[in-house]
Amino acid sequence: MSDKQASTSSLTYAVRAVVRARPEVLWARLTDAASFPSWNTTVSRIDGTIALGQKLSIQVPIAPGRTFTPKVTELEVGRRMVWSDGFYPMFRGTRTFTLTPGPQGTEFVMEERFEGLMLPMIKGSLPDFGPVFDQYAADLARACEGGR
């Protein structure tokens, strides 16, 4: 289930889910840009290579006609990945993916933090990412749980 935290200077959405699969199964899905739309209904298209320092081009159904261009700014293979977009201090979005193995499977956490001077002006125009994050986690679980 997703969670939202808002303040004057930041807006954060997060989702946590336990996926009954090994971390390497989730990691393979999360880093294969070409296959994203085949399993993830929240992504229409990703161009680029999901690797440290690489810039991606992402289209999503929630924002038709808009292309997001985050850069992979951190990458710890099989455990953690960070995508960042924007120019701080004006406005930046940072999405962090974390995988933690556990007795029931892998805990998947995805968090997106928006921050910057322009946030108060545009916060009202941002969509509610809660349902999108919930769907993202459900799609990942469905795609991975057959590949234990």
N, C-alpha and C. Protein backbone atom coordinates (compact mmCIF):
# COMPACT_ATOMS: atom_id res chain seq x y z
N MET A 1 0.84 -1.19 0.00
CA MET A 1 0.00 0.00 0.00
C MET A 1 0.88 1.25 0.00
N SER A 2 0.52 2.21 -0.80
CA SER A 2 1.34 3.41 -0.92
C SER A 2 1.10 4.37 0.24
N ASP A 3 2.05 5.28 0.38
CA ASP A 3 2.04 6.26 1.46
C ASP A 3 2.42 7.60 0.86
N LYS A 4 1.82 8.68 1.36
CA LYS A 4 2.14 10.02 0.89
C LYS A 4 2.50 10.89 2.09
N GLN A 5 3.60 11.65 1.94
CA GLN A 5 4.00 12.61 2.96
C GLN A 5 4.25 13.94 2.27
N ALA A 6 3.64 14.99 2.80
CA ALA A 6 3.78 16.31 2.17
C ALA A 6 4.15 17.35 3.21
N SER A 7 5.00 18.28 2.79
CA SER A 7 5.34 19.44 3.60
C SER A 7 5.46 20.62 2.64
N THR A 8 5.80 21.75 3.15
CA THR A 8 5.95 22.93 2.30
C THR A 8 7.07 22.74 1.28
N SER A 9 8.14 22.05 1.67
CA SER A 9 9.31 21.95 0.81
C SER A 9 9.48 20.60 0.10
N SER A 10 8.62 19.62 0.41
CA SER A 10 8.78 18.33 -0.26
C SER A 10 7.46 17.57 -0.33
N LEU A 11 7.42 16.65 -1.26
CA LEU A 11 6.28 15.75 -1.44
C LEU A 11 6.87 14.39 -1.74
N THR A 12 6.49 13.39 -0.96
CA THR A 12 7.05 12.06 -1.12
C THR A 12 5.95 11.02 -1.21
N TYR A 13 6.07 10.15 -2.19
CA TYR A 13 5.21 8.98 -2.33
C TYR A 13 6.09 7.76 -2.17
N ALA A 14 5.56 6.72 -1.52
CA ALA A 14 6.31 5.48 -1.37
C ALA A 14 5.35 4.30 -1.40
N VAL A 15 5.88 3.16 -1.85
CA VAL A 15 5.13 1.91 -1.80
C VAL A 15 6.08 0.82 -1.34
N ARG A 16 5.54 -0.08 -0.52
CA ARG A 16 6.30 -1.24 -0.04
C ARG A 16 5.48 -2.48 -0.35
N ALA A 17 6.17 -3.53 -0.80
CA ALA A 17 5.50 -4.79 -1.07
C ALA A 17 6.50 -5.92 -0.92
N VAL A 18 6.04 -7.04 -0.42
CA VAL A 18 6.88 -8.23 -0.39
C VAL A 18 6.52 -9.06 -1.61
N VAL A 19 7.53 -9.32 -2.43
CA VAL A 19 7.36 -10.09 -3.66
C VAL A 19 7.98 -11.46 -3.43
N ARG A 20 7.22 -12.50 -3.68
CA ARG A 20 7.70 -13.86 -3.44
C ARG A 20 8.61 -14.31 -4.58
N ALA A 21 9.79 -13.70 -4.60
CA ALA A 21 10.82 -14.03 -5.59
C ALA A 21 12.15 -13.53 -5.05
N ARG A 22 13.22 -14.06 -5.59
CA ARG A 22 14.56 -13.65 -5.18
C ARG A 22 14.86 -12.23 -5.69
N PRO A 23 15.72 -11.49 -4.99
CA PRO A 23 16.05 -10.13 -5.42
C PRO A 23 16.55 -10.06 -6.86
N GLU A 24 17.32 -11.06 -7.30
CA GLU A 24 17.86 -11.00 -8.67
C GLU A 24 16.76 -11.08 -9.73
N VAL A 25 15.64 -11.71 -9.39
CA VAL A 25 14.50 -11.78 -10.33
C VAL A 25 13.88 -10.39 -10.47
N LEU A 26 13.67 -9.71 -9.34
CA LEU A 26 13.13 -8.35 -9.38
C LEU A 26 14.11 -7.41 -10.09
N TRP A 27 15.39 -7.54 -9.75
CA TRP A 27 16.40 -6.66 -10.33
C TRP A 27 16.44 -6.79 -11.86
N ALA A 28 16.32 -8.01 -12.34
CA ALA A 28 16.32 -8.23 -13.79
C ALA A 28 15.17 -7.49 -14.45
N ARG A 29 13.99 -7.51 -13.83
CA ARG A 29 12.84 -6.77 -14.38
C ARG A 29 13.07 -5.27 -14.31
N LEU A 30 13.54 -4.79 -13.17
CA LEU A 30 13.69 -3.35 -12.95
C LEU A 30 14.79 -2.71 -13.79
N THR A 31 15.69 -3.50 -14.34
CA THR A 31 16.80 -2.93 -15.12
C THR A 31 16.75 -3.30 -16.60
N ASP A 32 15.67 -3.90 -17.05
CA ASP A 32 15.50 -4.24 -18.47
C ASP A 32 14.51 -3.26 -19.09
N ALA A 33 15.03 -2.13 -19.56
CA ALA A 33 14.19 -1.06 -20.08
C ALA A 33 13.28 -1.53 -21.22
N ALA A 34 13.82 -2.30 -22.14
CA ALA A 34 13.05 -2.70 -23.31
C ALA A 34 11.79 -3.48 -22.96
N SER A 35 11.85 -4.28 -21.90
CA SER A 35 10.69 -5.11 -21.58
C SER A 35 9.72 -4.46 -20.59
N PHE A 36 10.03 -3.29 -20.07
CA PHE A 36 9.16 -2.65 -19.07
C PHE A 36 7.69 -2.62 -19.47
N PRO A 37 7.34 -2.12 -20.65
CA PRO A 37 5.91 -2.04 -20.98
C PRO A 37 5.21 -3.40 -21.09
N SER A 38 5.97 -4.48 -21.24
CA SER A 38 5.34 -5.79 -21.35
C SER A 38 4.84 -6.31 -20.00
N TRP A 39 5.35 -5.78 -18.90
CA TRP A 39 4.91 -6.24 -17.58
C TRP A 39 4.38 -5.12 -16.69
N ASN A 40 4.70 -3.86 -17.01
CA ASN A 40 4.37 -2.74 -16.14
C ASN A 40 3.36 -1.82 -16.81
N THR A 41 2.11 -1.86 -16.35
CA THR A 41 1.05 -1.06 -16.96
C THR A 41 1.18 0.43 -16.68
N THR A 42 2.11 0.83 -15.78
CA THR A 42 2.28 2.24 -15.46
C THR A 42 3.34 2.90 -16.34
N VAL A 43 3.93 2.14 -17.25
CA VAL A 43 4.97 2.66 -18.14
C VAL A 43 4.61 2.30 -19.58
N SER A 44 4.54 3.32 -20.44
CA SER A 44 4.24 3.08 -21.86
C SER A 44 5.50 2.73 -22.64
N ARG A 45 6.62 3.38 -22.25
CA ARG A 45 7.86 3.19 -23.00
C ARG A 45 9.05 3.69 -22.19
N ILE A 46 10.16 2.96 -22.28
CA ILE A 46 11.44 3.44 -21.74
C ILE A 46 12.49 3.23 -22.83
N ASP A 47 13.19 4.29 -23.16
CA ASP A 47 14.32 4.20 -24.07
C ASP A 47 15.58 4.50 -23.27
N GLY A 48 16.64 3.79 -23.61
CA GLY A 48 17.90 3.98 -22.93
C GLY A 48 18.30 2.73 -22.19
N THR A 49 19.46 2.79 -21.57
CA THR A 49 19.99 1.67 -20.81
C THR A 49 19.94 2.02 -19.33
N ILE A 50 19.36 1.14 -18.54
CA ILE A 50 19.28 1.38 -17.10
C ILE A 50 20.61 0.95 -16.49
N ALA A 51 21.53 1.92 -16.42
CA ALA A 51 22.88 1.70 -15.91
C ALA A 51 23.38 3.02 -15.33
N LEU A 52 24.32 2.94 -14.41
CA LEU A 52 24.83 4.12 -13.73
C LEU A 52 25.29 5.18 -14.72
N GLY A 53 24.82 6.40 -14.50
CA GLY A 53 25.21 7.53 -15.33
C GLY A 53 24.42 7.69 -16.61
N GLN A 54 23.53 6.76 -16.91
CA GLN A 54 22.77 6.81 -18.16
C GLN A 54 21.48 7.59 -17.99
N LYS A 55 21.09 8.30 -19.03
CA LYS A 55 19.84 9.05 -19.06
C LYS A 55 18.78 8.20 -19.75
N LEU A 56 17.58 8.21 -19.22
CA LEU A 56 16.47 7.46 -19.76
C LEU A 56 15.43 8.41 -20.34
N SER A 57 14.61 7.89 -21.21
CA SER A 57 13.48 8.62 -21.77
C SER A 57 12.25 7.77 -21.49
N ILE A 58 11.35 8.29 -20.65
CA ILE A 58 10.22 7.50 -20.16
C ILE A 58 8.90 8.18 -20.49
N GLN A 59 7.96 7.39 -21.00
CA GLN A 59 6.60 7.85 -21.23
C GLN A 59 5.67 7.01 -20.37
N VAL A 60 4.68 7.68 -19.76
CA VAL A 60 3.76 7.00 -18.86
C VAL A 60 2.32 7.37 -19.20
N PRO A 61 1.38 6.42 -19.01
CA PRO A 61 -0.02 6.71 -19.33
C PRO A 61 -0.62 7.84 -18.49
N ILE A 62 -0.11 8.06 -17.28
CA ILE A 62 -0.67 9.09 -16.41
C ILE A 62 -0.37 10.51 -16.93
N ALA A 63 0.62 10.65 -17.83
CA ALA A 63 0.98 11.95 -18.41
C ALA A 63 1.18 11.79 -19.91
N PRO A 64 0.09 11.54 -20.66
CA PRO A 64 0.23 11.32 -22.10
C PRO A 64 0.86 12.53 -22.81
N GLY A 65 1.75 12.24 -23.74
CA GLY A 65 2.41 13.29 -24.49
C GLY A 65 3.62 13.89 -23.80
N ARG A 66 3.87 13.51 -22.58
CA ARG A 66 5.02 14.03 -21.84
C ARG A 66 6.09 12.96 -21.73
N THR A 67 7.34 13.37 -21.86
CA THR A 67 8.47 12.46 -21.71
C THR A 67 9.32 12.91 -20.53
N PHE A 68 9.61 11.97 -19.64
CA PHE A 68 10.47 12.24 -18.48
C PHE A 68 11.87 11.73 -18.82
N THR A 69 12.88 12.45 -18.36
CA THR A 69 14.26 12.09 -18.72
C THR A 69 15.17 12.00 -17.49
N PRO A 70 14.90 11.05 -16.61
CA PRO A 70 15.76 10.92 -15.44
C PRO A 70 17.11 10.30 -15.80
N LYS A 71 18.06 10.53 -14.92
CA LYS A 71 19.39 9.94 -15.04
C LYS A 71 19.56 8.95 -13.89
N VAL A 72 20.19 7.82 -14.17
CA VAL A 72 20.49 6.84 -13.12
C VAL A 72 21.70 7.38 -12.36
N THR A 73 21.45 7.86 -11.14
CA THR A 73 22.50 8.55 -10.38
C THR A 73 23.16 7.68 -9.31
N GLU A 74 22.51 6.58 -8.94
CA GLU A 74 23.12 5.63 -8.00
C GLU A 74 22.70 4.23 -8.43
N LEU A 75 23.61 3.28 -8.23
CA LEU A 75 23.30 1.90 -8.60
C LEU A 75 24.15 0.94 -7.78
N GLU A 76 23.48 0.17 -6.95
CA GLU A 76 24.13 -0.89 -6.19
C GLU A 76 23.45 -2.17 -6.66
N VAL A 77 24.08 -2.89 -7.57
CA VAL A 77 23.48 -4.02 -8.27
C VAL A 77 22.77 -4.97 -7.31
N GLY A 78 21.52 -5.24 -7.65
CA GLY A 78 20.71 -6.18 -6.89
C GLY A 78 20.11 -5.64 -5.61
N ARG A 79 20.42 -4.37 -5.26
CA ARG A 79 19.95 -3.84 -3.98
C ARG A 79 19.28 -2.48 -4.06
N ARG A 80 19.89 -1.55 -4.81
CA ARG A 80 19.40 -0.16 -4.75
C ARG A 80 19.72 0.58 -6.05
N MET A 81 18.77 1.43 -6.44
CA MET A 81 18.96 2.22 -7.65
C MET A 81 18.24 3.55 -7.43
N VAL A 82 18.82 4.65 -7.95
CA VAL A 82 18.22 5.97 -7.83
C VAL A 82 18.19 6.63 -9.20
N TRP A 83 17.02 7.17 -9.54
CA TRP A 83 16.84 7.96 -10.76
C TRP A 83 16.53 9.39 -10.33
N SER A 84 17.20 10.37 -10.95
CA SER A 84 16.97 11.78 -10.62
C SER A 84 16.67 12.58 -11.87
N ASP A 85 15.77 13.54 -11.73
CA ASP A 85 15.39 14.39 -12.85
C ASP A 85 15.13 15.80 -12.30
N GLY A 86 15.48 16.79 -13.08
CA GLY A 86 15.24 18.16 -12.67
C GLY A 86 16.53 18.86 -12.28
N PHE A 87 16.36 20.09 -11.79
CA PHE A 87 17.52 20.91 -11.43
C PHE A 87 17.27 21.52 -10.05
N TYR A 88 17.96 20.98 -9.05
CA TYR A 88 17.83 21.51 -7.70
C TYR A 88 18.69 22.75 -7.59
N PRO A 89 18.27 23.84 -7.01
CA PRO A 89 17.19 23.98 -6.05
C PRO A 89 15.83 24.35 -6.64
N MET A 90 15.71 24.44 -7.96
CA MET A 90 14.43 24.84 -8.54
C MET A 90 13.37 23.74 -8.37
N PHE A 91 13.64 22.56 -8.92
CA PHE A 91 12.71 21.44 -8.78
C PHE A 91 13.44 20.16 -9.16
N ARG A 92 13.27 19.15 -8.33
CA ARG A 92 13.90 17.86 -8.62
C ARG A 92 12.98 16.75 -8.13
N GLY A 93 12.96 15.69 -8.93
CA GLY A 93 12.29 14.46 -8.53
C GLY A 93 13.33 13.37 -8.42
N THR A 94 13.28 12.60 -7.34
CA THR A 94 14.25 11.53 -7.13
C THR A 94 13.48 10.26 -6.78
N ARG A 95 13.65 9.23 -7.61
CA ARG A 95 12.99 7.94 -7.38
C ARG A 95 14.04 6.93 -6.93
N THR A 96 13.79 6.31 -5.80
CA THR A 96 14.70 5.32 -5.22
C THR A 96 14.01 3.97 -5.18
N PHE A 97 14.69 2.96 -5.69
CA PHE A 97 14.22 1.58 -5.66
C PHE A 97 15.14 0.83 -4.69
N THR A 98 14.57 0.08 -3.76
CA THR A 98 15.36 -0.70 -2.81
C THR A 98 14.81 -2.12 -2.74
N LEU A 99 15.70 -3.10 -2.79
CA LEU A 99 15.34 -4.51 -2.67
C LEU A 99 16.04 -5.08 -1.44
N THR A 100 15.27 -5.74 -0.57
CA THR A 100 15.84 -6.34 0.64
C THR A 100 15.33 -7.77 0.75
N PRO A 101 16.24 -8.75 0.72
CA PRO A 101 15.79 -10.14 0.85
C PRO A 101 15.25 -10.41 2.25
N GLY A 102 14.25 -11.28 2.31
CA GLY A 102 13.66 -11.65 3.60
C GLY A 102 13.14 -13.06 3.55
N PRO A 103 12.60 -13.54 4.65
CA PRO A 103 12.14 -14.93 4.72
C PRO A 103 10.94 -15.24 3.83
N GLN A 104 10.13 -14.24 3.52
CA GLN A 104 8.94 -14.45 2.69
C GLN A 104 9.15 -14.07 1.23
N GLY A 105 10.34 -13.57 0.91
CA GLY A 105 10.63 -13.10 -0.45
C GLY A 105 11.49 -11.86 -0.38
N THR A 106 11.25 -10.93 -1.29
CA THR A 106 12.03 -9.71 -1.37
C THR A 106 11.14 -8.51 -1.07
N GLU A 107 11.57 -7.68 -0.12
CA GLU A 107 10.83 -6.45 0.11
C GLU A 107 11.23 -5.45 -0.96
N PHE A 108 10.24 -4.96 -1.68
CA PHE A 108 10.42 -3.96 -2.72
C PHE A 108 9.91 -2.63 -2.17
N VAL A 109 10.77 -1.62 -2.20
CA VAL A 109 10.37 -0.27 -1.80
C VAL A 109 10.69 0.68 -2.95
N MET A 110 9.70 1.46 -3.34
CA MET A 110 9.91 2.51 -4.35
C MET A 110 9.42 3.81 -3.74
N GLU A 111 10.29 4.81 -3.75
CA GLU A 111 9.97 6.11 -3.16
C GLU A 111 10.30 7.20 -4.17
N GLU A 112 9.41 8.16 -4.30
CA GLU A 112 9.67 9.31 -5.16
C GLU A 112 9.53 10.56 -4.31
N ARG A 113 10.58 11.39 -4.33
CA ARG A 113 10.59 12.62 -3.54
C ARG A 113 10.70 13.80 -4.51
N PHE A 114 9.77 14.73 -4.39
CA PHE A 114 9.79 15.96 -5.16
C PHE A 114 10.17 17.08 -4.20
N GLU A 115 11.08 17.95 -4.65
CA GLU A 115 11.51 19.05 -3.79
C GLU A 115 12.00 20.21 -4.64
N GLY A 116 12.05 21.39 -4.04
CA GLY A 116 12.60 22.55 -4.71
C GLY A 116 11.72 23.77 -4.55
N LEU A 117 12.27 24.91 -4.96
CA LEU A 117 11.59 26.19 -4.80
C LEU A 117 10.27 26.26 -5.57
N MET A 118 10.18 25.56 -6.70
CA MET A 118 8.96 25.62 -7.50
C MET A 118 7.87 24.64 -7.03
N LEU A 119 8.20 23.76 -6.12
CA LEU A 119 7.22 22.76 -5.68
C LEU A 119 5.92 23.37 -5.19
N PRO A 120 5.94 24.40 -4.34
CA PRO A 120 4.66 24.94 -3.88
C PRO A 120 3.77 25.44 -5.04
N MET A 121 4.38 25.91 -6.12
CA MET A 121 3.62 26.42 -7.26
C MET A 121 3.03 25.31 -8.12
N ILE A 122 3.70 24.16 -8.18
CA ILE A 122 3.23 23.09 -9.08
C ILE A 122 2.63 21.89 -8.36
N LYS A 123 2.72 21.87 -7.04
CA LYS A 123 2.24 20.72 -6.27
C LYS A 123 0.79 20.38 -6.61
N GLY A 124 -0.04 21.38 -6.76
CA GLY A 124 -1.46 21.15 -7.06
C GLY A 124 -1.72 20.54 -8.42
N SER A 125 -0.77 20.69 -9.34
CA SER A 125 -0.97 20.14 -10.69
C SER A 125 -0.42 18.73 -10.83
N LEU A 126 0.27 18.23 -9.81
CA LEU A 126 0.80 16.87 -9.87
C LEU A 126 -0.33 15.87 -9.63
N PRO A 127 -0.31 14.76 -10.35
CA PRO A 127 -1.34 13.75 -10.12
C PRO A 127 -1.11 13.03 -8.79
N ASP A 128 -2.11 12.30 -8.35
CA ASP A 128 -1.98 11.46 -7.17
C ASP A 128 -1.22 10.21 -7.58
N PHE A 129 0.02 10.09 -7.14
CA PHE A 129 0.85 8.95 -7.52
C PHE A 129 0.57 7.69 -6.71
N GLY A 130 -0.22 7.79 -5.66
CA GLY A 130 -0.52 6.64 -4.81
C GLY A 130 -1.04 5.44 -5.59
N PRO A 131 -2.14 5.59 -6.35
CA PRO A 131 -2.65 4.46 -7.11
C PRO A 131 -1.65 3.93 -8.16
N VAL A 132 -0.87 4.82 -8.75
CA VAL A 132 0.13 4.41 -9.74
C VAL A 132 1.22 3.58 -9.06
N PHE A 133 1.66 4.00 -7.89
CA PHE A 133 2.68 3.25 -7.17
C PHE A 133 2.16 1.88 -6.75
N ASP A 134 0.91 1.83 -6.28
CA ASP A 134 0.32 0.54 -5.91
C ASP A 134 0.27 -0.39 -7.12
N GLN A 135 -0.12 0.15 -8.28
CA GLN A 135 -0.19 -0.67 -9.49
C GLN A 135 1.20 -1.13 -9.93
N TYR A 136 2.19 -0.25 -9.83
CA TYR A 136 3.57 -0.59 -10.18
C TYR A 136 4.04 -1.80 -9.36
N ALA A 137 3.82 -1.75 -8.04
CA ALA A 137 4.24 -2.85 -7.16
C ALA A 137 3.47 -4.13 -7.50
N ALA A 138 2.17 -4.02 -7.77
CA ALA A 138 1.37 -5.20 -8.12
C ALA A 138 1.83 -5.80 -9.44
N ASP A 139 2.14 -4.95 -10.42
CA ASP A 139 2.64 -5.44 -11.71
C ASP A 139 3.99 -6.15 -11.54
N LEU A 140 4.86 -5.58 -10.72
CA LEU A 140 6.17 -6.20 -10.48
C LEU A 140 6.01 -7.56 -9.82
N ALA A 141 5.16 -7.63 -8.83
CA ALA A 141 4.92 -8.91 -8.14
C ALA A 141 4.37 -9.95 -9.13
N ARG A 142 3.40 -9.57 -9.92
CA ARG A 142 2.81 -10.50 -10.89
C ARG A 142 3.86 -10.99 -11.89
N ALA A 143 4.73 -10.10 -12.32
CA ALA A 143 5.76 -10.46 -13.31
C ALA A 143 6.85 -11.34 -12.73
N CYS A 144 7.13 -11.18 -11.44
CA CYS A 144 8.28 -11.86 -10.83
C CYS A 144 7.94 -13.14 -10.09
N GLU A 145 6.76 -13.25 -9.59
CA GLU A 145 6.47 -14.38 -8.71
C GLU A 145 6.46 -15.72 -9.40
N GLY A 146 6.35 -15.73 -10.71
CA GLY A 146 6.47 -17.00 -11.43
C GLY A 146 7.91 -17.41 -11.63
N GLY A 147 8.87 -16.48 -11.43
CA GLY A 147 10.29 -16.76 -11.67
C GLY A 147 11.10 -16.88 -10.41
N ARG A 148 10.55 -17.57 -9.42
CA ARG A 148 11.23 -17.71 -8.13
C ARG A 148 12.56 -18.33 -8.31
